[in-house]
Amino acid sequence: MRLIASITNANPAVVTTTFANNYIVGTLIRLDIPSYIGMPQADQQVVPITAILGTTSFAVGMDSTLFQPFAIPSPLPAHANVTAMSVPIGEINRTLTAATVNTLPF
């Protein structure tokens, strides 16, 4: 998993992680977004990565133009014990790359 720094309100949505993620196109990720961060429409969505835009950013197959904005509050609420995460859960079968090579560091 990787911590999410931002998600754009765009089509396709662009996700930026807090450090290099080593994801590849075709990886399916689940977005875990606590309610205090916003963008509840994206919480628990499983989306494919459609493009790698940099070491920390990637586009996903999701239209978030009408979603509430993603915004990490500062300071964090006292009850905040988790932050937004992208969790790889599989990949599109026709690529079958990540299943044979572990590209994520331990």
N, C-alpha and C. Protein backbone atom coordinates (compact mmCIF):
# COMPACT_ATOMS: atom_id res chain seq x y z
N MET A 1 0.84 -1.18 0.00
CA MET A 1 0.00 0.00 0.00
C MET A 1 0.87 1.23 0.00
N ARG A 2 0.27 2.31 -0.45
CA ARG A 2 0.96 3.60 -0.45
C ARG A 2 0.02 4.67 0.11
N LEU A 3 0.57 5.63 0.84
CA LEU A 3 -0.22 6.72 1.38
C LEU A 3 -0.51 7.71 0.25
N ILE A 4 -1.74 8.21 0.22
CA ILE A 4 -2.16 9.14 -0.82
C ILE A 4 -2.01 10.57 -0.33
N ALA A 5 -1.32 11.40 -1.15
CA ALA A 5 -1.16 12.81 -0.84
C ALA A 5 -2.27 13.64 -1.47
N SER A 6 -2.76 13.20 -2.65
CA SER A 6 -3.83 13.96 -3.31
C SER A 6 -4.51 13.10 -4.38
N ILE A 7 -5.74 13.48 -4.68
CA ILE A 7 -6.50 12.92 -5.80
C ILE A 7 -7.18 14.11 -6.48
N THR A 8 -7.03 14.21 -7.78
CA THR A 8 -7.63 15.33 -8.51
C THR A 8 -9.10 15.10 -8.78
N ASN A 9 -9.82 16.19 -8.97
CA ASN A 9 -11.20 16.13 -9.45
C ASN A 9 -11.11 16.25 -10.97
N ALA A 10 -10.96 15.11 -11.64
CA ALA A 10 -10.72 15.10 -13.08
C ALA A 10 -11.18 13.78 -13.68
N ASN A 11 -11.17 13.73 -14.99
CA ASN A 11 -11.44 12.48 -15.71
C ASN A 11 -10.35 12.30 -16.76
N PRO A 12 -9.42 11.38 -16.51
CA PRO A 12 -9.33 10.46 -15.37
C PRO A 12 -8.76 11.14 -14.12
N ALA A 13 -9.10 10.57 -12.99
CA ALA A 13 -8.55 11.07 -11.73
C ALA A 13 -7.06 10.75 -11.68
N VAL A 14 -6.29 11.66 -11.10
CA VAL A 14 -4.86 11.45 -10.91
C VAL A 14 -4.59 11.33 -9.42
N VAL A 15 -3.92 10.25 -9.04
CA VAL A 15 -3.59 9.98 -7.65
C VAL A 15 -2.10 10.23 -7.46
N THR A 16 -1.76 10.96 -6.41
CA THR A 16 -0.35 11.19 -6.07
C THR A 16 -0.09 10.58 -4.71
N THR A 17 0.96 9.76 -4.63
CA THR A 17 1.33 9.12 -3.38
C THR A 17 2.45 9.92 -2.71
N THR A 18 2.71 9.63 -1.44
CA THR A 18 3.69 10.40 -0.68
C THR A 18 5.13 10.02 -1.00
N PHE A 19 5.34 8.87 -1.64
CA PHE A 19 6.67 8.48 -2.09
C PHE A 19 6.51 7.53 -3.27
N ALA A 20 7.61 7.21 -3.94
CA ALA A 20 7.56 6.37 -5.14
C ALA A 20 6.75 5.10 -4.87
N ASN A 21 5.88 4.76 -5.84
CA ASN A 21 4.98 3.64 -5.61
C ASN A 21 5.33 2.38 -6.40
N ASN A 22 6.07 2.48 -7.49
CA ASN A 22 6.46 1.34 -8.33
C ASN A 22 5.26 0.58 -8.90
N TYR A 23 4.10 1.20 -8.98
CA TYR A 23 2.94 0.57 -9.60
C TYR A 23 3.15 0.50 -11.11
N ILE A 24 2.38 -0.36 -11.77
CA ILE A 24 2.43 -0.49 -13.22
C ILE A 24 1.01 -0.36 -13.79
N VAL A 25 0.92 -0.01 -15.06
CA VAL A 25 -0.37 0.08 -15.73
C VAL A 25 -1.05 -1.29 -15.66
N GLY A 26 -2.33 -1.30 -15.35
CA GLY A 26 -3.09 -2.54 -15.25
C GLY A 26 -3.28 -3.05 -13.84
N THR A 27 -2.54 -2.49 -12.89
CA THR A 27 -2.72 -2.88 -11.49
C THR A 27 -4.07 -2.37 -11.01
N LEU A 28 -4.81 -3.20 -10.31
CA LEU A 28 -6.07 -2.79 -9.69
C LEU A 28 -5.78 -2.36 -8.27
N ILE A 29 -6.22 -1.16 -7.93
CA ILE A 29 -6.02 -0.68 -6.56
C ILE A 29 -7.37 -0.38 -5.93
N ARG A 30 -7.40 -0.53 -4.60
CA ARG A 30 -8.56 -0.13 -3.82
C ARG A 30 -8.18 1.17 -3.12
N LEU A 31 -9.06 2.14 -3.19
CA LEU A 31 -8.83 3.42 -2.52
C LEU A 31 -9.50 3.37 -1.15
N ASP A 32 -8.71 3.56 -0.11
CA ASP A 32 -9.22 3.62 1.27
C ASP A 32 -9.07 5.06 1.72
N ILE A 33 -10.22 5.76 1.85
CA ILE A 33 -10.19 7.18 2.17
C ILE A 33 -11.06 7.45 3.40
N PRO A 34 -10.43 7.81 4.53
CA PRO A 34 -11.21 8.13 5.73
C PRO A 34 -12.16 9.30 5.48
N SER A 35 -13.28 9.33 6.17
CA SER A 35 -14.31 10.35 5.94
C SER A 35 -13.82 11.76 6.21
N TYR A 36 -12.88 11.96 7.13
CA TYR A 36 -12.43 13.32 7.44
C TYR A 36 -11.57 13.93 6.33
N ILE A 37 -11.16 13.13 5.35
CA ILE A 37 -10.33 13.64 4.25
C ILE A 37 -11.19 14.14 3.09
N GLY A 38 -12.39 13.66 2.98
CA GLY A 38 -13.24 14.06 1.87
C GLY A 38 -13.22 13.02 0.76
N MET A 39 -13.86 13.36 -0.36
CA MET A 39 -14.01 12.48 -1.51
C MET A 39 -14.57 11.10 -1.11
N PRO A 40 -15.70 11.08 -0.37
CA PRO A 40 -16.25 9.80 0.07
C PRO A 40 -16.72 8.93 -1.10
N GLN A 41 -17.00 9.54 -2.24
CA GLN A 41 -17.45 8.78 -3.40
C GLN A 41 -16.37 7.82 -3.90
N ALA A 42 -15.10 8.12 -3.62
CA ALA A 42 -14.00 7.28 -4.08
C ALA A 42 -13.62 6.21 -3.06
N ASP A 43 -14.08 6.35 -1.82
CA ASP A 43 -13.73 5.39 -0.77
C ASP A 43 -14.20 3.99 -1.15
N GLN A 44 -13.29 3.02 -1.03
CA GLN A 44 -13.53 1.60 -1.30
C GLN A 44 -13.74 1.28 -2.79
N GLN A 45 -13.46 2.24 -3.66
CA GLN A 45 -13.55 1.97 -5.09
C GLN A 45 -12.34 1.14 -5.52
N VAL A 46 -12.59 0.18 -6.40
CA VAL A 46 -11.50 -0.60 -7.01
C VAL A 46 -11.37 -0.10 -8.44
N VAL A 47 -10.19 0.43 -8.76
CA VAL A 47 -9.97 1.07 -10.06
C VAL A 47 -8.66 0.59 -10.66
N PRO A 48 -8.60 0.51 -12.00
CA PRO A 48 -7.34 0.14 -12.64
C PRO A 48 -6.44 1.36 -12.83
N ILE A 49 -5.15 1.16 -12.75
CA ILE A 49 -4.20 2.21 -13.11
C ILE A 49 -4.12 2.22 -14.63
N THR A 50 -4.39 3.38 -15.23
CA THR A 50 -4.43 3.49 -16.69
C THR A 50 -3.19 4.15 -17.27
N ALA A 51 -2.45 4.90 -16.47
CA ALA A 51 -1.22 5.55 -16.94
C ALA A 51 -0.33 5.88 -15.76
N ILE A 52 0.97 5.71 -15.95
CA ILE A 52 1.95 6.13 -14.96
C ILE A 52 2.43 7.51 -15.39
N LEU A 53 2.29 8.50 -14.51
CA LEU A 53 2.61 9.89 -14.86
C LEU A 53 3.92 10.36 -14.24
N GLY A 54 4.45 9.61 -13.31
CA GLY A 54 5.69 9.96 -12.63
C GLY A 54 5.96 8.93 -11.55
N THR A 55 7.00 9.11 -10.78
CA THR A 55 7.32 8.12 -9.75
C THR A 55 6.30 8.07 -8.63
N THR A 56 5.57 9.19 -8.45
CA THR A 56 4.58 9.22 -7.37
C THR A 56 3.16 9.47 -7.85
N SER A 57 2.93 9.56 -9.15
CA SER A 57 1.57 9.86 -9.62
C SER A 57 1.15 8.94 -10.75
N PHE A 58 -0.15 8.66 -10.78
CA PHE A 58 -0.71 7.78 -11.79
C PHE A 58 -2.17 8.13 -12.01
N ALA A 59 -2.66 7.83 -13.22
CA ALA A 59 -4.07 8.05 -13.55
C ALA A 59 -4.82 6.74 -13.33
N VAL A 60 -6.08 6.87 -12.92
CA VAL A 60 -6.91 5.69 -12.69
C VAL A 60 -8.20 5.80 -13.51
N GLY A 61 -8.81 4.69 -13.76
CA GLY A 61 -10.06 4.64 -14.52
C GLY A 61 -11.24 5.06 -13.67
N MET A 62 -11.29 6.33 -13.30
CA MET A 62 -12.37 6.85 -12.48
C MET A 62 -12.57 8.32 -12.84
N ASP A 63 -13.82 8.71 -13.02
CA ASP A 63 -14.18 10.11 -13.27
C ASP A 63 -14.57 10.73 -11.93
N SER A 64 -13.73 11.60 -11.41
CA SER A 64 -13.99 12.21 -10.10
C SER A 64 -14.35 13.69 -10.22
N THR A 65 -14.73 14.12 -11.41
CA THR A 65 -15.01 15.55 -11.62
C THR A 65 -16.13 16.08 -10.72
N LEU A 66 -17.11 15.26 -10.39
CA LEU A 66 -18.22 15.72 -9.57
C LEU A 66 -18.13 15.26 -8.11
N PHE A 67 -17.00 14.64 -7.74
CA PHE A 67 -16.79 14.19 -6.37
C PHE A 67 -16.46 15.38 -5.46
N GLN A 68 -16.71 15.20 -4.17
CA GLN A 68 -16.24 16.19 -3.20
C GLN A 68 -14.72 16.23 -3.27
N PRO A 69 -14.10 17.37 -3.00
CA PRO A 69 -12.64 17.46 -3.08
C PRO A 69 -11.93 16.58 -2.04
N PHE A 70 -10.77 16.09 -2.43
CA PHE A 70 -9.87 15.38 -1.53
C PHE A 70 -9.03 16.44 -0.82
N ALA A 71 -9.07 16.48 0.50
CA ALA A 71 -8.32 17.49 1.24
C ALA A 71 -7.93 16.94 2.61
N ILE A 72 -6.65 16.82 2.84
CA ILE A 72 -6.16 16.36 4.13
C ILE A 72 -6.15 17.56 5.07
N PRO A 73 -6.92 17.50 6.17
CA PRO A 73 -7.00 18.66 7.08
C PRO A 73 -5.70 18.84 7.87
N SER A 74 -5.44 20.07 8.23
CA SER A 74 -4.29 20.37 9.07
C SER A 74 -4.75 21.34 10.14
N PRO A 75 -4.63 20.98 11.39
CA PRO A 75 -4.10 19.72 11.89
C PRO A 75 -5.12 18.59 11.72
N LEU A 76 -4.62 17.37 11.82
CA LEU A 76 -5.51 16.22 11.72
C LEU A 76 -6.42 16.15 12.93
N PRO A 77 -7.64 15.63 12.75
CA PRO A 77 -8.53 15.45 13.90
C PRO A 77 -7.91 14.51 14.94
N ALA A 78 -8.28 14.69 16.18
CA ALA A 78 -7.73 13.86 17.27
C ALA A 78 -7.98 12.37 17.04
N HIS A 79 -9.10 12.03 16.41
CA HIS A 79 -9.44 10.62 16.20
C HIS A 79 -8.77 10.03 14.96
N ALA A 80 -7.98 10.80 14.24
CA ALA A 80 -7.37 10.35 12.99
C ALA A 80 -6.23 9.38 13.26
N ASN A 81 -6.47 8.09 13.03
CA ASN A 81 -5.42 7.10 13.23
C ASN A 81 -5.01 6.42 11.93
N VAL A 82 -5.62 6.80 10.83
CA VAL A 82 -5.24 6.30 9.51
C VAL A 82 -5.33 7.46 8.52
N THR A 83 -4.69 7.27 7.40
CA THR A 83 -4.78 8.26 6.33
C THR A 83 -5.21 7.56 5.05
N ALA A 84 -5.37 8.30 3.98
CA ALA A 84 -5.81 7.71 2.72
C ALA A 84 -4.71 6.80 2.16
N MET A 85 -5.14 5.68 1.59
CA MET A 85 -4.19 4.70 1.06
C MET A 85 -4.66 4.16 -0.28
N SER A 86 -3.70 3.78 -1.12
CA SER A 86 -3.99 2.99 -2.31
C SER A 86 -3.42 1.60 -2.06
N VAL A 87 -4.27 0.60 -2.20
CA VAL A 87 -3.88 -0.76 -1.88
C VAL A 87 -4.00 -1.62 -3.14
N PRO A 88 -2.88 -2.15 -3.66
CA PRO A 88 -2.97 -3.01 -4.83
C PRO A 88 -3.66 -4.32 -4.45
N ILE A 89 -4.65 -4.71 -5.24
CA ILE A 89 -5.39 -5.94 -4.91
C ILE A 89 -5.39 -6.95 -6.06
N GLY A 90 -4.87 -6.57 -7.21
CA GLY A 90 -4.84 -7.48 -8.34
C GLY A 90 -4.37 -6.76 -9.58
N GLU A 91 -4.57 -7.40 -10.72
CA GLU A 91 -4.21 -6.77 -11.98
C GLU A 91 -5.10 -7.28 -13.09
N ILE A 92 -5.12 -6.52 -14.17
CA ILE A 92 -5.89 -6.94 -15.33
C ILE A 92 -5.22 -8.19 -15.91
N ASN A 93 -6.00 -9.26 -16.12
CA ASN A 93 -5.43 -10.56 -16.48
C ASN A 93 -4.58 -10.58 -17.74
N ARG A 94 -4.91 -9.76 -18.72
CA ARG A 94 -4.17 -9.84 -19.96
C ARG A 94 -2.72 -9.36 -19.83
N THR A 95 -2.41 -8.63 -18.75
CA THR A 95 -1.03 -8.18 -18.57
C THR A 95 -0.21 -9.17 -17.75
N LEU A 96 -0.73 -9.62 -16.63
CA LEU A 96 -0.09 -10.62 -15.76
C LEU A 96 1.40 -10.41 -15.60
N THR A 97 1.76 -9.21 -15.20
CA THR A 97 3.17 -8.88 -14.98
C THR A 97 3.50 -8.85 -13.50
N ALA A 98 2.75 -8.09 -12.75
CA ALA A 98 3.05 -7.94 -11.32
C ALA A 98 2.87 -9.23 -10.54
N ALA A 99 2.07 -10.16 -11.05
CA ALA A 99 1.84 -11.42 -10.33
C ALA A 99 3.06 -12.32 -10.37
N THR A 100 3.95 -12.11 -11.33
CA THR A 100 5.13 -12.97 -11.44
C THR A 100 6.39 -12.29 -10.93
N VAL A 101 6.35 -10.97 -10.75
CA VAL A 101 7.52 -10.23 -10.26
C VAL A 101 7.04 -9.27 -9.19
N ASN A 102 7.61 -9.39 -7.99
CA ASN A 102 7.25 -8.47 -6.91
C ASN A 102 7.97 -7.16 -7.15
N THR A 103 7.22 -6.13 -7.59
CA THR A 103 7.83 -4.84 -7.88
C THR A 103 7.76 -3.89 -6.72
N LEU A 104 7.08 -4.25 -5.64
CA LEU A 104 6.97 -3.39 -4.48
C LEU A 104 7.99 -3.79 -3.44
N PRO A 105 8.72 -2.84 -2.86
CA PRO A 105 9.71 -3.19 -1.85
C PRO A 105 9.04 -3.71 -0.58
N PHE A 106 9.76 -4.49 0.16
CA PHE A 106 9.23 -5.05 1.41
C PHE A 106 9.19 -4.04 2.49
